[in-house]
Each structure stands twice: as structure tokens, then as C-alpha cells.
Amino acid sequence: MKRFIYLAWAILFIPVHLLAQDELPRPVTNILSLRIGQGRMRDTYLTPLLYTGSSISLEGQRWRMLRNLDWTSWQFADIAFSTGEDHGHDSEAWAGRLRYRYGILRRWSDSLDPLTLDIRPASSPWSFYLGPYAGIDLGFDYNLKIASSNNPATARVTTNLGAAGAVCYRFQSQSAQGMRVMLQAHAPLLGMGFCPEYGASYYETFYLDSSSETFHFTSLHNQQDLDVQLAVDFPLAVIPWFRRFDSVLRLGGSYHIETMDINDITTRYSSFEFVIGWVYQYLPFSRRKASLLKRSPYDAY
């Protein structure tokens, strides 16, 4: 398990060191979003029933260009909570997830001049991103109907190497700042997952038997996870009352689905949520930090 984690971070950090060139001001884009919508869950370790209800999540992203402006570091973290009932309204289940990803994405865009850091007159409004990431997922499922039993809850722990990508289209002119439309997606490809054997209690897993067999290799054959988000960023500077604010309002939708099938145990969790967020962009350690978004259509992601 430790060897896999060390290998994952080595794959990501070695390319960052090799990409280092002359230091240039590099923009940072921070995104904080609230997601609210519908959630669905099923955990056959607890019960084969499907539970449908509401979901709420808090998400944070951080984008920063690397030194040659052709690569971007991407960080993603979110915490989600979902409640649901079965179709007969006989029982209720809760589920929670905590996730973190760190990726290095190759950037294809001709919108930024690396010498002056200004928009080129004939720049394309498109930007494309693709690259690997390493991440960890923590979670739990809890069934209230069997709360008095020995196993009312299950735990989820996975570490993964995956792929992340994004497409960004910028509605902007040379004299005014417009909105951006961004489509993001990321999914794990291989990793390690924690899953006790079917019928075994957590007491037996951790105290009576060896826990070495509870961690399994995961890939597309037994773990299929996918996150897709489509969002539109509206600069607040276009509103007369908010011209002094150097930030952007994000609106959109997000879909997440995760499945795992190990040891005859099937776990499924999905959510479809409305996204409302706040985007803030700046240049760290630079005098050009102020009014960056209002000055020009600066593409930091």
C-alpha cells in the first residue's frame, strides 16, 4: 500500500521538476463551490435496496500554471453528504465522502503570450487540458434500519491514479471581459481499495483475521468512477454595482457516480447537483495582483 502511494506521488512530482524554466508570473485560480441536488446509494454489504434522496457537497479547486506556461497544476477536494430512503419508505440510509486529487495537466492554448502575459490579438478562445492525477477517497455508508445490528455501517478507502481533462471556451473581446464555459471530467484508472469480505464483521476484519486481504487492486474491471461538471463563469465586474470586485460567479451542474464490486459486495453512489460557486484569480508575489480579471481576459485555467 505504501509503495503504491510513493509511486503515485513520484509520477506527479518528477515531471514538475523537469518542467522548471525561467521564473515568470504564474496565475492562480481558486474555486469554491456549493453543490445541492439528488443522491442515490446502494451498499449490498448492508442491504441490497436502492436509496434515493438529497445530496449536498462543498467543493474546492485550485489551478496554477507551471513555469513554462504549458502545464498546469490542478487540485480538487470535496466533502459530500447524502441521505435517502428506499422505495417503500421503510428505512433510511446516510452516506458521506471526502476526496482529494492532485494532478499535472498539459495545457493547449495560444491565448497567452509567455513574454508579456497578455492576450494575443488572434488568440483562440479554446483551451484544452489533459493529464494524470493521484487521489484518495474516504467515505462511509450507514443504514438506520439496522442501526442496532453488528454492522450498521461500512467504510470506503481508495487510493487511485487517474486521468483528468477539461475544455474551456472564453467569450471575450479585446476590450471587455466576458464569461467562460468549462467542461471538466476526471476518473480513476487503477489503485487500491479497502473492502472486507462478504459477511465478515469489522470486528473480525481488524481483530480476528489478517487485514492484508481487505485491500485489493482496483481498476476498470471492479471500480468505475466518473466526475463530470459543466459550469459557466460570470465576471461580477460586468455588473455596475460589483465592478470593484475582482471575482467571478460560477453556475452549472455536476454529475458524480462511483461503483465498486469486490468480494461479492457492490457499492454504488451517485449524485446530480446544481453548482453555485465563487472564482478568484490572482498572481502570487506580484504587483500585478490587483484587478487582474478586470484588466484583461487573462486565461489562468
C-alpha atoms as a PDB file:
ATOM      1  CA  MET A   1       0.000   0.000   0.000  1.00  0.00           C
ATOM      2  CA  LYS A   2       2.778   2.436   0.947  1.00  0.00           C
ATOM      3  CA  ARG A   3       4.746   1.571  -2.193  1.00  0.00           C
ATOM      4  CA  PHE A   4       1.736   2.407  -4.351  1.00  0.00           C
ATOM      5  CA  ILE A   5       1.297   5.814  -2.643  1.00  0.00           C
ATOM      6  CA  TYR A   6       5.007   6.669  -3.059  1.00  0.00           C
ATOM      7  CA  LEU A   7       4.880   5.663  -6.729  1.00  0.00           C
ATOM      8  CA  ALA A   8       1.780   7.816  -7.328  1.00  0.00           C
ATOM      9  CA  TRP A   9       3.368  10.967  -5.921  1.00  0.00           C
ATOM     10  CA  ALA A  10       6.666  10.285  -7.724  1.00  0.00           C
ATOM     11  CA  ILE A  11       4.879  10.100 -11.081  1.00  0.00           C
ATOM     12  CA  LEU A  12       3.328  13.516 -10.466  1.00  0.00           C
ATOM     13  CA  PHE A  13       6.202  15.438  -8.890  1.00  0.00           C
ATOM     14  CA  ILE A  14       9.075  14.324 -11.136  1.00  0.00           C
ATOM     15  CA  PRO A  15       7.549  15.960 -14.260  1.00  0.00           C
ATOM     16  CA  VAL A  16       7.044  19.190 -12.314  1.00  0.00           C
ATOM     17  CA  HIS A  17      10.756  19.371 -11.521  1.00  0.00           C
ATOM     18  CA  LEU A  18      11.748  18.672 -15.113  1.00  0.00           C
ATOM     19  CA  LEU A  19       9.450  21.388 -16.420  1.00  0.00           C
ATOM     20  CA  ALA A  20      11.115  24.164 -14.421  1.00  0.00           C
ATOM     21  CA  GLN A  21      12.359  27.042 -16.547  1.00  0.00           C
ATOM     22  CA  ASP A  22      12.877  30.757 -16.053  1.00  0.00           C
ATOM     23  CA  GLU A  23      10.549  32.102 -13.387  1.00  0.00           C
ATOM     24  CA  LEU A  24       7.572  34.006 -14.788  1.00  0.00           C
ATOM     25  CA  PRO A  25       4.486  35.333 -13.022  1.00  0.00           C
ATOM     26  CA  ARG A  26       2.044  32.449 -12.912  1.00  0.00           C
ATOM     27  CA  PRO A  27      -1.650  32.992 -12.247  1.00  0.00           C
ATOM     28  CA  VAL A  28      -3.617  31.073  -9.631  1.00  0.00           C
ATOM     29  CA  THR A  29      -7.334  30.397  -9.885  1.00  0.00           C
ATOM     30  CA  ASN A  30      -9.232  29.328  -6.764  1.00  0.00           C
ATOM     31  CA  ILE A  31     -12.786  27.998  -6.996  1.00  0.00           C
ATOM     32  CA  LEU A  32     -15.086  27.396  -4.031  1.00  0.00           C
ATOM     33  CA  SER A  33     -18.457  25.839  -4.883  1.00  0.00           C
ATOM     34  CA  LEU A  34     -21.584  24.608  -3.143  1.00  0.00           C
ATOM     35  CA  ARG A  35     -23.416  21.706  -4.808  1.00  0.00           C
ATOM     36  CA  ILE A  36     -27.002  20.719  -3.996  1.00  0.00           C
ATOM     37  CA  GLY A  37     -29.104  18.060  -5.690  1.00  0.00           C
ATOM     38  CA  GLN A  38     -30.217  14.434  -5.723  1.00  0.00           C
ATOM     39  CA  GLY A  39     -28.249  11.489  -4.369  1.00  0.00           C
ATOM     40  CA  ARG A  40     -28.624   7.710  -4.820  1.00  0.00           C
ATOM     41  CA  MET A  41     -26.822   4.965  -2.908  1.00  0.00           C
ATOM     42  CA  ARG A  42     -26.674   1.172  -2.593  1.00  0.00           C
ATOM     43  CA  ASP A  43     -24.386  -0.993  -0.460  1.00  0.00           C
ATOM     44  CA  THR A  44     -25.052  -4.738  -0.594  1.00  0.00           C
ATOM     45  CA  TYR A  45     -22.873  -5.258   2.489  1.00  0.00           C
ATOM     46  CA  LEU A  46     -25.696  -3.562   4.414  1.00  0.00           C
ATOM     47  CA  THR A  47     -28.759  -4.127   2.219  1.00  0.00           C
ATOM     48  CA  PRO A  48     -29.482  -4.659  -1.499  1.00  0.00           C
ATOM     49  CA  LEU A  49     -32.065  -1.847  -1.514  1.00  0.00           C
ATOM     50  CA  LEU A  50     -31.611   1.353  -3.509  1.00  0.00           C
ATOM     51  CA  TYR A  51     -31.890   4.588  -1.524  1.00  0.00           C
ATOM     52  CA  THR A  52     -32.821   7.888  -3.148  1.00  0.00           C
ATOM     53  CA  GLY A  53     -32.763  11.304  -1.512  1.00  0.00           C
ATOM     54  CA  SER A  54     -30.902  14.596  -1.351  1.00  0.00           C
ATOM     55  CA  SER A  55     -27.207  15.418  -1.576  1.00  0.00           C
ATOM     56  CA  ILE A  56     -25.112  18.417  -0.543  1.00  0.00           C
ATOM     57  CA  SER A  57     -21.410  18.974  -1.212  1.00  0.00           C
ATOM     58  CA  LEU A  58     -18.707  21.578  -0.693  1.00  0.00           C
ATOM     59  CA  GLU A  59     -16.009  21.679  -3.372  1.00  0.00           C
ATOM     60  CA  GLY A  60     -12.696  23.488  -3.753  1.00  0.00           C
ATOM     61  CA  GLN A  61     -10.357  23.668  -6.752  1.00  0.00           C
ATOM     62  CA  ARG A  62      -7.008  25.326  -7.296  1.00  0.00           C
ATOM     63  CA  TRP A  63      -5.406  25.839 -10.714  1.00  0.00           C
ATOM     64  CA  ARG A  64      -1.913  27.228 -11.214  1.00  0.00           C
ATOM     65  CA  MET A  65       0.233  27.451 -14.323  1.00  0.00           C
ATOM     66  CA  LEU A  66       3.678  25.921 -14.087  1.00  0.00           C
ATOM     67  CA  ARG A  67       6.822  27.765 -15.069  1.00  0.00           C
ATOM     68  CA  ASN A  68       6.752  27.211 -18.809  1.00  0.00           C
ATOM     69  CA  LEU A  69       3.004  28.044 -19.012  1.00  0.00           C
ATOM     70  CA  ASP A  70       2.315  24.833 -20.946  1.00  0.00           C
ATOM     71  CA  TRP A  71       1.460  22.782 -17.858  1.00  0.00           C
ATOM     72  CA  THR A  72      -0.988  23.446 -15.034  1.00  0.00           C
ATOM     73  CA  SER A  73      -1.160  22.011 -11.541  1.00  0.00           C
ATOM     74  CA  TRP A  74      -4.685  21.089 -10.510  1.00  0.00           C
ATOM     75  CA  GLN A  75      -6.000  20.373  -7.041  1.00  0.00           C
ATOM     76  CA  PHE A  76      -9.511  19.187  -6.254  1.00  0.00           C
ATOM     77  CA  ALA A  77     -11.119  18.468  -2.883  1.00  0.00           C
ATOM     78  CA  ASP A  78     -14.718  17.995  -1.845  1.00  0.00           C
ATOM     79  CA  ILE A  79     -16.812  16.746   1.032  1.00  0.00           C
ATOM     80  CA  ALA A  80     -20.271  15.320   0.327  1.00  0.00           C
ATOM     81  CA  PHE A  81     -23.178  14.062   2.392  1.00  0.00           C
ATOM     82  CA  SER A  82     -26.284  12.265   1.132  1.00  0.00           C
ATOM     83  CA  THR A  83     -29.453  10.930   2.750  1.00  0.00           C
ATOM     84  CA  GLY A  84     -32.072   8.698   1.160  1.00  0.00           C
ATOM     85  CA  GLU A  85     -34.989   6.342   1.657  1.00  0.00           C
ATOM     86  CA  ASP A  86     -35.914   3.120  -0.071  1.00  0.00           C
ATOM     87  CA  HIS A  87     -38.907   2.969  -2.416  1.00  0.00           C
ATOM     88  CA  GLY A  88     -41.182   1.624   0.322  1.00  0.00           C
ATOM     89  CA  HIS A  89     -40.110   4.359   2.784  1.00  0.00           C
ATOM     90  CA  ASP A  90     -39.303   1.639   5.319  1.00  0.00           C
ATOM     91  CA  SER A  91     -35.688   2.538   6.010  1.00  0.00           C
ATOM     92  CA  GLU A  92     -33.217   5.383   5.642  1.00  0.00           C
ATOM     93  CA  ALA A  93     -29.521   5.469   4.780  1.00  0.00           C
ATOM     94  CA  TRP A  94     -26.763   8.061   5.056  1.00  0.00           C
ATOM     95  CA  ALA A  95     -23.545   8.332   3.085  1.00  0.00           C
ATOM     96  CA  GLY A  96     -20.547  10.639   3.244  1.00  0.00           C
ATOM     97  CA  ARG A  97     -17.489  11.140   1.053  1.00  0.00           C
ATOM     98  CA  LEU A  98     -14.216  13.045   1.437  1.00  0.00           C
ATOM     99  CA  ARG A  99     -11.985  13.209  -1.662  1.00  0.00           C
ATOM    100  CA  TYR A 100      -8.739  14.832  -2.760  1.00  0.00           C
ATOM    101  CA  ARG A 101      -6.933  14.861  -6.130  1.00  0.00           C
ATOM    102  CA  TYR A 102      -3.663  16.371  -7.288  1.00  0.00           C
ATOM    103  CA  GLY A 103      -2.875  16.418 -10.987  1.00  0.00           C
ATOM    104  CA  ILE A 104      -0.486  17.801 -13.589  1.00  0.00           C
ATOM    105  CA  LEU A 105      -2.361  18.743 -16.768  1.00  0.00           C
ATOM    106  CA  ARG A 106      -0.898  19.578 -20.172  1.00  0.00           C
ATOM    107  CA  ARG A 107      -2.341  22.835 -21.469  1.00  0.00           C
ATOM    108  CA  TRP A 108      -3.063  23.585 -25.139  1.00  0.00           C
ATOM    109  CA  SER A 109      -3.937  27.243 -25.786  1.00  0.00           C
ATOM    110  CA  ASP A 110      -2.478  30.128 -27.766  1.00  0.00           C
ATOM    111  CA  SER A 111      -4.308  32.801 -25.780  1.00  0.00           C
ATOM    112  CA  LEU A 112      -1.373  33.829 -23.606  1.00  0.00           C
ATOM    113  CA  ASP A 113       1.899  35.458 -24.672  1.00  0.00           C
ATOM    114  CA  PRO A 114       4.594  33.977 -22.381  1.00  0.00           C
ATOM    115  CA  LEU A 115       6.723  37.132 -22.585  1.00  0.00           C
ATOM    116  CA  THR A 116       4.179  39.861 -21.871  1.00  0.00           C
ATOM    117  CA  LEU A 117       1.479  37.687 -20.253  1.00  0.00           C
ATOM    118  CA  ASP A 118      -1.137  39.456 -22.376  1.00  0.00           C
ATOM    119  CA  ILE A 119      -3.772  38.169 -24.752  1.00  0.00           C
ATOM    120  CA  ARG A 120      -2.644  37.820 -28.360  1.00  0.00           C
ATOM    121  CA  PRO A 121      -4.829  39.657 -30.901  1.00  0.00           C
ATOM    122  CA  ALA A 122      -5.589  36.495 -32.883  1.00  0.00           C
ATOM    123  CA  SER A 123      -5.840  34.133 -29.967  1.00  0.00           C
ATOM    124  CA  SER A 124      -8.175  31.179 -29.963  1.00  0.00           C
ATOM    125  CA  PRO A 125     -10.972  31.171 -27.360  1.00  0.00           C
ATOM    126  CA  TRP A 126     -10.388  27.468 -26.690  1.00  0.00           C
ATOM    127  CA  SER A 127      -8.170  25.895 -24.023  1.00  0.00           C
ATOM    128  CA  PHE A 128      -7.654  22.162 -23.520  1.00  0.00           C
ATOM    129  CA  TYR A 129      -6.216  20.282 -20.547  1.00  0.00           C
ATOM    130  CA  LEU A 130      -5.302  16.628 -20.077  1.00  0.00           C
ATOM    131  CA  GLY A 131      -3.060  14.792 -17.645  1.00  0.00           C
ATOM    132  CA  PRO A 132      -2.662  12.305 -14.772  1.00  0.00           C
ATOM    133  CA  TYR A 133      -3.655  12.720 -11.151  1.00  0.00           C
ATOM    134  CA  ALA A 134      -3.256  10.903  -7.840  1.00  0.00           C
ATOM    135  CA  GLY A 135      -6.021  10.897  -5.291  1.00  0.00           C
ATOM    136  CA  ILE A 136      -7.526   9.400  -2.168  1.00  0.00           C
ATOM    137  CA  ASP A 137     -11.180   8.815  -1.291  1.00  0.00           C
ATOM    138  CA  LEU A 138     -12.606   8.301   2.194  1.00  0.00           C
ATOM    139  CA  GLY A 139     -16.235   7.537   2.880  1.00  0.00           C
ATOM    140  CA  PHE A 140     -18.910   5.726   4.820  1.00  0.00           C
ATOM    141  CA  ASP A 141     -22.403   4.271   4.354  1.00  0.00           C
ATOM    142  CA  TYR A 142     -24.765   3.988   7.321  1.00  0.00           C
ATOM    143  CA  ASN A 143     -28.154   2.248   7.451  1.00  0.00           C
ATOM    144  CA  LEU A 144     -30.564   3.422  10.149  1.00  0.00           C
ATOM    145  CA  LYS A 145     -32.849   0.377   9.937  1.00  0.00           C
ATOM    146  CA  ILE A 146     -30.086  -1.952  11.085  1.00  0.00           C
ATOM    147  CA  ALA A 147     -28.502   0.549  13.486  1.00  0.00           C
ATOM    148  CA  SER A 148     -28.856  -1.931  16.354  1.00  0.00           C
ATOM    149  CA  SER A 149     -27.077  -4.738  14.472  1.00  0.00           C
ATOM    150  CA  ASN A 150     -23.382  -5.586  14.472  1.00  0.00           C
ATOM    151  CA  ASN A 151     -22.715  -4.000  11.066  1.00  0.00           C
ATOM    152  CA  PRO A 152     -24.836  -0.864  10.533  1.00  0.00           C
ATOM    153  CA  ALA A 153     -22.051   0.950   8.650  1.00  0.00           C
ATOM    154  CA  THR A 154     -19.341   0.354   6.077  1.00  0.00           C
ATOM    155  CA  ALA A 155     -16.159   2.260   5.296  1.00  0.00           C
ATOM    156  CA  ARG A 156     -14.692   3.174   1.912  1.00  0.00           C
ATOM    157  CA  VAL A 157     -10.984   3.893   1.383  1.00  0.00           C
ATOM    158  CA  THR A 158      -9.386   4.022  -2.059  1.00  0.00           C
ATOM    159  CA  THR A 159      -6.177   5.459  -3.478  1.00  0.00           C
ATOM    160  CA  ASN A 160      -6.042   5.922  -7.215  1.00  0.00           C
ATOM    161  CA  LEU A 161      -4.086   7.044 -10.230  1.00  0.00           C
ATOM    162  CA  GLY A 162      -6.383   8.503 -12.843  1.00  0.00           C
ATOM    163  CA  ALA A 163      -6.835  10.889 -15.739  1.00  0.00           C
ATOM    164  CA  ALA A 164      -8.314  14.387 -15.672  1.00  0.00           C
ATOM    165  CA  GLY A 165      -9.272  16.665 -18.528  1.00  0.00           C
ATOM    166  CA  ALA A 166     -11.032  19.944 -19.225  1.00  0.00           C
ATOM    167  CA  VAL A 167     -12.219  22.083 -22.127  1.00  0.00           C
ATOM    168  CA  CYS A 168     -12.640  25.829 -21.676  1.00  0.00           C
ATOM    169  CA  TYR A 169     -14.243  28.313 -24.089  1.00  0.00           C
ATOM    170  CA  ARG A 170     -13.853  32.038 -23.460  1.00  0.00           C
ATOM    171  CA  PHE A 171     -16.477  34.558 -24.654  1.00  0.00           C
ATOM    172  CA  GLN A 172     -14.245  37.621 -24.652  1.00  0.00           C
ATOM    173  CA  SER A 173     -13.159  40.545 -26.766  1.00  0.00           C
ATOM    174  CA  GLN A 174     -10.025  42.652 -26.578  1.00  0.00           C
ATOM    175  CA  SER A 175     -11.737  45.476 -24.709  1.00  0.00           C
ATOM    176  CA  ALA A 176     -14.103  43.688 -22.361  1.00  0.00           C
ATOM    177  CA  GLN A 177     -14.179  40.615 -20.219  1.00  0.00           C
ATOM    178  CA  GLY A 178     -16.864  38.027 -20.876  1.00  0.00           C
ATOM    179  CA  MET A 179     -17.859  34.724 -19.449  1.00  0.00           C
ATOM    180  CA  ARG A 180     -16.214  31.304 -19.691  1.00  0.00           C
ATOM    181  CA  VAL A 181     -17.767  27.890 -20.230  1.00  0.00           C
ATOM    182  CA  MET A 182     -15.829  24.964 -18.806  1.00  0.00           C
ATOM    183  CA  LEU A 183     -16.379  21.206 -19.059  1.00  0.00           C
ATOM    184  CA  GLN A 184     -14.356  19.077 -16.632  1.00  0.00           C
ATOM    185  CA  ALA A 185     -14.074  15.313 -16.189  1.00  0.00           C
ATOM    186  CA  HIS A 186     -11.845  13.005 -14.173  1.00  0.00           C
ATOM    187  CA  ALA A 187     -11.861   9.270 -13.448  1.00  0.00           C
ATOM    188  CA  PRO A 188      -9.564   6.748 -11.715  1.00  0.00           C
ATOM    189  CA  LEU A 189      -7.794   4.102 -13.796  1.00  0.00           C
ATOM    190  CA  LEU A 190      -6.005   1.940 -11.219  1.00  0.00           C
ATOM    191  CA  GLY A 191      -5.404   1.909  -7.496  1.00  0.00           C
ATOM    192  CA  MET A 192      -6.010   0.143  -4.190  1.00  0.00           C
ATOM    193  CA  GLY A 193      -9.337  -0.248  -2.404  1.00  0.00           C
ATOM    194  CA  PHE A 194     -10.394  -1.341   1.064  1.00  0.00           C
ATOM    195  CA  CYS A 195     -13.214  -3.882   1.160  1.00  0.00           C
ATOM    196  CA  PRO A 196     -13.876  -6.536   3.851  1.00  0.00           C
ATOM    197  CA  GLU A 197     -15.009  -9.990   2.851  1.00  0.00           C
ATOM    198  CA  TYR A 198     -18.708 -10.592   2.414  1.00  0.00           C
ATOM    199  CA  GLY A 199     -20.412 -11.489   5.702  1.00  0.00           C
ATOM    200  CA  ALA A 200     -17.388 -10.589   7.823  1.00  0.00           C
ATOM    201  CA  SER A 201     -17.933  -8.051  10.560  1.00  0.00           C
ATOM    202  CA  TYR A 202     -15.483  -5.202  11.060  1.00  0.00           C
ATOM    203  CA  TYR A 203     -14.530  -6.749  14.380  1.00  0.00           C
ATOM    204  CA  GLU A 204     -13.478  -9.929  12.568  1.00  0.00           C
ATOM    205  CA  THR A 205     -11.716  -7.927   9.868  1.00  0.00           C
ATOM    206  CA  PHE A 206      -9.476  -5.937  12.206  1.00  0.00           C
ATOM    207  CA  TYR A 207      -9.117  -8.188  15.268  1.00  0.00           C
ATOM    208  CA  LEU A 208      -9.621 -11.835  14.333  1.00  0.00           C
ATOM    209  CA  ASP A 209      -8.335 -12.134  10.779  1.00  0.00           C
ATOM    210  CA  SER A 210      -5.387 -10.676   8.911  1.00  0.00           C
ATOM    211  CA  SER A 211      -6.356  -7.329   7.368  1.00  0.00           C
ATOM    212  CA  SER A 212      -3.892  -7.770   4.476  1.00  0.00           C
ATOM    213  CA  GLU A 213      -6.597  -9.342   2.296  1.00  0.00           C
ATOM    214  CA  THR A 214      -9.005  -6.450   2.751  1.00  0.00           C
ATOM    215  CA  PHE A 215      -7.020  -4.215   0.385  1.00  0.00           C
ATOM    216  CA  HIS A 216      -7.489  -5.123  -3.266  1.00  0.00           C
ATOM    217  CA  PHE A 217      -6.149  -3.938  -6.584  1.00  0.00           C
ATOM    218  CA  THR A 218      -8.760  -1.806  -8.347  1.00  0.00           C
ATOM    219  CA  SER A 219      -9.112  -0.886 -11.976  1.00  0.00           C
ATOM    220  CA  LEU A 220     -11.879  -0.507 -14.526  1.00  0.00           C
ATOM    221  CA  HIS A 221     -12.938  -4.129 -14.044  1.00  0.00           C
ATOM    222  CA  ASN A 222     -14.072  -3.605 -10.425  1.00  0.00           C
ATOM    223  CA  GLN A 223     -14.154   0.167  -9.927  1.00  0.00           C
ATOM    224  CA  GLN A 224     -15.812   2.636 -12.279  1.00  0.00           C
ATOM    225  CA  ASP A 225     -15.909   6.218 -11.026  1.00  0.00           C
ATOM    226  CA  LEU A 226     -16.612   9.345 -13.041  1.00  0.00           C
ATOM    227  CA  ASP A 227     -16.987  13.054 -12.288  1.00  0.00           C
ATOM    228  CA  VAL A 228     -18.343  15.456 -14.903  1.00  0.00           C
ATOM    229  CA  GLN A 229     -19.022  19.150 -14.359  1.00  0.00           C
ATOM    230  CA  LEU A 230     -20.279  21.778 -16.803  1.00  0.00           C
ATOM    231  CA  ALA A 231     -20.049  25.328 -15.480  1.00  0.00           C
ATOM    232  CA  VAL A 232     -20.339  28.914 -16.707  1.00  0.00           C
ATOM    233  CA  ASP A 233     -18.257  31.653 -15.052  1.00  0.00           C
ATOM    234  CA  PHE A 234     -19.819  35.133 -14.970  1.00  0.00           C
ATOM    235  CA  PRO A 235     -17.473  38.026 -14.072  1.00  0.00           C
ATOM    236  CA  LEU A 236     -19.041  40.220 -11.404  1.00  0.00           C
ATOM    237  CA  ALA A 237     -17.276  43.210 -12.964  1.00  0.00           C
ATOM    238  CA  VAL A 238     -19.900  43.335 -15.725  1.00  0.00           C
ATOM    239  CA  ILE A 239     -22.480  44.398 -13.094  1.00  0.00           C
ATOM    240  CA  PRO A 240     -22.138  48.123 -12.285  1.00  0.00           C
ATOM    241  CA  TRP A 241     -22.509  47.589  -8.524  1.00  0.00           C
ATOM    242  CA  PHE A 242     -19.774  44.936  -8.447  1.00  0.00           C
ATOM    243  CA  ARG A 243     -17.089  46.466 -10.671  1.00  0.00           C
ATOM    244  CA  ARG A 244     -14.740  46.880  -7.747  1.00  0.00           C
ATOM    245  CA  PHE A 245     -14.798  43.119  -7.059  1.00  0.00           C
ATOM    246  CA  ASP A 246     -12.106  41.026  -8.717  1.00  0.00           C
ATOM    247  CA  SER A 247     -14.047  37.750  -8.747  1.00  0.00           C
ATOM    248  CA  VAL A 248     -16.355  35.577 -10.805  1.00  0.00           C
ATOM    249  CA  LEU A 249     -19.648  33.797 -10.119  1.00  0.00           C
ATOM    250  CA  ARG A 250     -19.833  30.139 -11.203  1.00  0.00           C
ATOM    251  CA  LEU A 251     -23.100  28.399 -12.113  1.00  0.00           C
ATOM    252  CA  GLY A 252     -23.524  24.924 -13.542  1.00  0.00           C
ATOM    253  CA  GLY A 253     -24.260  21.264 -12.972  1.00  0.00           C
ATOM    254  CA  SER A 254     -22.227  18.339 -11.673  1.00  0.00           C
ATOM    255  CA  TYR A 255     -22.658  14.569 -12.002  1.00  0.00           C
ATOM    256  CA  HIS A 256     -20.754  12.016  -9.931  1.00  0.00           C
ATOM    257  CA  ILE A 257     -21.035   8.235  -9.995  1.00  0.00           C
ATOM    258  CA  GLU A 258     -18.908   5.623  -8.268  1.00  0.00           C
ATOM    259  CA  THR A 259     -19.225   1.854  -8.302  1.00  0.00           C
ATOM    260  CA  MET A 260     -17.156  -0.883  -6.704  1.00  0.00           C
ATOM    261  CA  ASP A 261     -17.628  -4.654  -6.928  1.00  0.00           C
ATOM    262  CA  ILE A 262     -15.199  -6.594  -4.711  1.00  0.00           C
ATOM    263  CA  ASN A 263     -15.695  -9.744  -2.603  1.00  0.00           C
ATOM    264  CA  ASP A 264     -19.296 -10.108  -3.840  1.00  0.00           C
ATOM    265  CA  ILE A 265     -20.057  -6.665  -2.359  1.00  0.00           C
ATOM    266  CA  THR A 266     -21.430  -3.979  -4.650  1.00  0.00           C
ATOM    267  CA  THR A 267     -21.250  -0.332  -3.631  1.00  0.00           C
ATOM    268  CA  ARG A 268     -22.833   2.414  -5.730  1.00  0.00           C
ATOM    269  CA  TYR A 269     -23.105   6.099  -5.028  1.00  0.00           C
ATOM    270  CA  SER A 270     -24.190   8.832  -7.418  1.00  0.00           C
ATOM    271  CA  SER A 271     -25.319  12.447  -7.315  1.00  0.00           C
ATOM    272  CA  PHE A 272     -26.630  15.029  -9.748  1.00  0.00           C
ATOM    273  CA  GLU A 273     -26.217  18.517  -8.292  1.00  0.00           C
ATOM    274  CA  PHE A 274     -26.631  22.186  -9.123  1.00  0.00           C
ATOM    275  CA  VAL A 275     -23.400  24.152  -8.681  1.00  0.00           C
ATOM    276  CA  ILE A 276     -23.025  27.719  -7.436  1.00  0.00           C
ATOM    277  CA  GLY A 277     -19.531  28.959  -6.717  1.00  0.00           C
ATOM    278  CA  TRP A 278     -17.080  31.798  -6.395  1.00  0.00           C
ATOM    279  CA  VAL A 279     -13.945  32.093  -8.530  1.00  0.00           C
ATOM    280  CA  TYR A 280     -10.994  34.248  -7.519  1.00  0.00           C
ATOM    281  CA  GLN A 281      -7.863  34.745  -9.594  1.00  0.00           C
ATOM    282  CA  TYR A 282      -4.566  36.367  -8.649  1.00  0.00           C
ATOM    283  CA  LEU A 283      -0.825  36.487  -9.284  1.00  0.00           C
ATOM    284  CA  PRO A 284       1.060  35.463  -6.122  1.00  0.00           C
ATOM    285  CA  PHE A 285       4.012  37.585  -5.052  1.00  0.00           C
ATOM    286  CA  SER A 286       3.366  40.118  -7.821  1.00  0.00           C
ATOM    287  CA  ARG A 287       2.412  43.793  -8.013  1.00  0.00           C
ATOM    288  CA  ARG A 288       0.004  42.866 -10.810  1.00  0.00           C
ATOM    289  CA  LYS A 289      -2.153  41.059  -8.296  1.00  0.00           C
ATOM    290  CA  ALA A 290      -4.840  43.739  -8.158  1.00  0.00           C
ATOM    291  CA  SER A 291      -7.654  43.999 -10.726  1.00  0.00           C
ATOM    292  CA  LEU A 292      -6.217  41.249 -12.877  1.00  0.00           C
ATOM    293  CA  LEU A 293      -9.546  39.938 -14.091  1.00  0.00           C
ATOM    294  CA  LYS A 294     -10.919  43.389 -14.868  1.00  0.00           C
ATOM    295  CA  ARG A 295      -7.819  44.462 -16.756  1.00  0.00           C
ATOM    296  CA  SER A 296      -7.769  41.732 -19.388  1.00  0.00           C
ATOM    297  CA  PRO A 297      -9.259  38.337 -20.230  1.00  0.00           C
ATOM    298  CA  TYR A 298      -6.407  36.532 -18.505  1.00  0.00           C
ATOM    299  CA  ASP A 299      -6.681  32.783 -19.038  1.00  0.00           C
ATOM    300  CA  ALA A 300      -5.485  31.080 -15.861  1.00  0.00           C
ATOM    301  CA  TYR A 301      -7.386  27.857 -16.488  1.00  0.00           C
END
